[in-house]
Amino acid sequence: MRLLLTSDTHLPKRAKKLPEELLAQMELADVVVHAGDWVDLATLTLFTSRTQRLIGVYGNNDGPELRARLPEVARAELDGLRFGVVHETGPTRGRDQRCAQRFPDLDVLVFGHSHIPYDSIAPGGLRLLNPGSPTDRRRQPYCSYMTAVTEPGRLFEVVLHALPPRR
């Protein structure tokens, strides 16, 4: 199963549109995961119209319309792996331990908020993934998203994709 992981799209405040590369990856993915901060309902509609399966949550910048349609925490089983999605995980210091304690029933947790890509394995084996942002690089050298592949009981080929600078 092919996965596309993204977060913090912040349309139309941080960018006018999503990068073409991300849109193309949406079409290829079996499952698209968005870890919040969509900012506008049109972005959710765009994702819904272009994806086979969407798993998403709301973020701190998402208003009542998005919060009415999305959960704060989403859970899904994909190829026997227990995935969770949440926007915020708190400060960097202690994140792995804190998430392992908060989500002891998960194999993989996808999160956003910081716009900083992250890939770590917490105590107990929880895999934590933050794909960064495809539209707002903040203190990073580039905007980004992640792809991954699952097969029964296994997550592999987790790749962070750097996007070219916007013109």
Protein backbone atom coordinates (compact mmCIF):
# COMPACT_ATOMS: atom_id res chain seq x y z
CA MET A 1 0.00 0.00 0.00
CA ARG A 2 1.41 3.40 -1.00
CA LEU A 3 1.07 6.23 1.52
CA LEU A 4 1.42 9.99 1.13
CA LEU A 5 2.00 11.90 4.38
CA THR A 6 1.56 15.66 4.58
CA SER A 7 0.63 18.38 7.03
CA ASP A 8 0.43 22.13 7.49
CA THR A 9 -0.76 23.05 4.02
CA HIS A 10 -1.93 26.48 5.26
CA LEU A 11 -3.79 27.43 2.08
CA PRO A 12 -4.28 30.15 1.02
CA LYS A 13 -2.25 31.99 3.69
CA ARG A 14 1.22 30.47 3.15
CA ALA A 15 0.78 29.61 -0.54
CA LYS A 16 -1.85 30.14 -3.21
CA LYS A 17 -1.84 26.49 -4.31
CA LEU A 18 -0.33 23.12 -3.52
CA PRO A 19 2.86 22.08 -5.32
CA GLU A 20 2.22 20.06 -8.50
CA GLU A 21 4.49 17.29 -7.22
CA LEU A 22 2.30 16.82 -4.14
CA LEU A 23 -0.85 16.79 -6.27
CA ALA A 24 0.69 14.13 -8.52
CA GLN A 25 1.63 12.01 -5.49
CA MET A 26 -1.98 12.21 -4.24
CA GLU A 27 -3.11 10.46 -7.41
CA LEU A 28 -0.58 7.63 -6.89
CA ALA A 29 -1.25 7.00 -3.20
CA ASP A 30 -3.61 4.37 -1.87
CA VAL A 31 -3.93 6.39 1.35
CA VAL A 32 -3.24 10.08 1.99
CA VAL A 33 -2.61 11.20 5.57
CA HIS A 34 -2.92 14.90 6.48
CA ALA A 35 -1.90 15.90 10.01
CA GLY A 36 -3.82 19.16 10.23
CA ASP A 37 -3.63 22.90 9.61
CA TRP A 38 -5.52 22.81 6.34
CA VAL A 39 -6.77 26.35 7.14
CA ASP A 40 -9.55 26.40 4.54
CA LEU A 41 -12.36 24.04 3.64
CA ALA A 42 -11.45 24.19 -0.07
CA THR A 43 -8.19 22.36 0.68
CA LEU A 44 -10.04 19.52 2.40
CA THR A 45 -12.40 19.35 -0.57
CA LEU A 46 -9.43 19.22 -2.97
CA PHE A 47 -7.83 16.35 -1.03
CA THR A 48 -11.11 14.46 -0.81
CA SER A 49 -11.68 14.76 -4.54
CA ARG A 50 -8.19 13.55 -5.48
CA THR A 51 -7.57 10.70 -3.05
CA GLN A 52 -8.70 7.10 -2.83
CA ARG A 53 -8.68 7.25 0.97
CA LEU A 54 -8.00 10.25 3.19
CA ILE A 55 -7.14 10.14 6.87
CA GLY A 56 -6.98 13.62 8.35
CA VAL A 57 -7.26 15.65 11.53
CA TYR A 58 -7.74 19.29 12.35
CA GLY A 59 -4.91 21.52 13.54
CA ASN A 60 -4.65 24.58 15.75
CA ASN A 61 -5.20 26.94 12.77
CA ASP A 62 -8.34 25.15 11.57
CA GLY A 63 -11.66 26.83 12.24
CA PRO A 64 -15.10 25.50 13.13
CA GLU A 65 -15.97 24.23 9.63
CA LEU A 66 -12.92 21.96 9.53
CA ARG A 67 -13.27 20.93 13.17
CA ALA A 68 -16.86 19.87 12.44
CA ARG A 69 -15.62 17.51 9.69
CA LEU A 70 -12.35 16.21 11.12
CA PRO A 71 -11.33 14.64 14.43
CA GLU A 72 -8.53 15.84 16.71
CA VAL A 73 -7.03 12.33 16.60
CA ALA A 74 -7.62 9.79 13.82
CA ARG A 75 -6.83 6.09 13.94
CA ALA A 76 -6.72 3.52 11.16
CA GLU A 77 -5.37 0.04 10.59
CA LEU A 78 -3.37 -0.20 7.36
CA ASP A 79 -1.90 -3.57 6.39
CA GLY A 80 -2.14 -4.67 10.00
CA LEU A 81 -0.28 -1.60 11.31
CA ARG A 82 -2.06 0.63 13.80
CA PHE A 83 -1.71 4.25 12.62
CA GLY A 84 -2.62 7.39 14.49
CA VAL A 85 -2.70 10.97 13.28
CA VAL A 86 -2.63 14.10 15.45
CA HIS A 87 -1.58 17.67 14.78
CA GLU A 88 0.30 18.65 17.93
CA THR A 89 2.58 16.53 20.09
CA GLY A 90 4.03 19.24 22.33
CA PRO A 91 7.64 20.37 22.74
CA THR A 92 10.49 18.56 21.01
CA ARG A 93 12.10 17.67 24.33
CA GLY A 94 10.53 14.45 25.59
CA ARG A 95 8.31 13.99 22.50
CA ASP A 96 9.16 10.34 21.85
CA GLN A 97 8.51 9.26 25.44
CA ARG A 98 5.39 11.42 25.76
CA CYS A 99 3.87 10.03 22.53
CA ALA A 100 4.73 6.46 23.47
CA GLN A 101 2.84 6.97 26.73
CA ARG A 102 -0.12 8.76 25.11
CA PHE A 103 -0.47 6.28 22.24
CA PRO A 104 0.61 2.86 23.58
CA ASP A 105 -1.74 1.06 21.17
CA LEU A 106 -0.16 2.48 17.97
CA ASP A 107 2.63 1.32 15.68
CA VAL A 108 2.95 4.63 13.75
CA LEU A 109 2.02 8.20 14.71
CA VAL A 110 1.93 10.91 12.04
CA PHE A 111 1.93 14.47 13.36
CA GLY A 112 2.48 18.03 12.19
CA HIS A 113 2.48 21.54 13.68
CA SER A 114 6.22 22.27 13.78
CA HIS A 115 6.80 22.16 9.99
CA ILE A 116 10.00 20.32 10.86
CA PRO A 117 10.42 16.84 9.34
CA TYR A 118 10.86 14.13 11.94
CA ASP A 119 11.39 10.38 11.85
CA SER A 120 12.06 8.59 15.10
CA ILE A 121 11.33 5.39 16.95
CA ALA A 122 10.13 5.92 20.51
CA PRO A 123 10.69 3.56 23.43
CA GLY A 124 8.49 0.53 22.87
CA GLY A 125 8.74 0.80 19.08
CA LEU A 126 6.27 3.59 18.17
CA ARG A 127 7.39 5.19 14.87
CA LEU A 128 6.88 8.97 14.87
CA LEU A 129 6.71 10.77 11.52
CA ASN A 130 6.32 14.46 10.74
CA PRO A 131 6.35 15.18 7.00
CA GLY A 132 7.04 18.90 7.40
CA SER A 133 5.00 21.29 5.25
CA PRO A 134 4.66 21.40 1.45
CA THR A 135 3.97 25.16 1.53
CA ASP A 136 5.72 26.74 4.55
CA ARG A 137 9.28 25.66 5.24
CA ARG A 138 9.73 27.91 8.28
CA ARG A 139 13.31 27.33 9.49
CA GLN A 140 13.92 24.41 7.14
CA PRO A 141 15.94 24.59 3.91
CA TYR A 142 12.96 23.35 1.88
CA CYS A 143 9.26 22.51 1.97
CA SER A 144 8.55 18.78 2.22
CA TYR A 145 6.23 15.79 2.40
CA MET A 146 6.77 12.05 2.97
CA THR A 147 5.88 8.85 1.18
CA ALA A 148 5.96 5.35 2.61
CA VAL A 149 4.95 1.83 1.72
CA THR A 150 3.23 -0.78 3.84
CA GLU A 151 2.84 -4.48 3.45
CA PRO A 152 1.27 -6.72 6.06
CA GLY A 153 2.80 -5.78 9.39
CA ARG A 154 5.60 -3.68 7.90
CA LEU A 155 6.26 0.01 7.14
CA PHE A 156 9.19 0.67 4.82
CA GLU A 157 10.54 3.00 2.14
CA VAL A 158 9.78 6.03 4.31
CA VAL A 159 11.13 8.89 2.19
CA LEU A 160 11.24 12.59 2.94
CA HIS A 161 10.76 14.54 -0.29
CA ALA A 162 12.23 18.03 -0.57
CA LEU A 163 10.18 20.29 -2.81
CA PRO A 164 11.80 22.80 -5.16
CA PRO A 165 11.52 26.47 -4.16
CA ARG A 166 8.31 28.19 -5.24
CA ARG A 167 8.57 30.78 -7.97
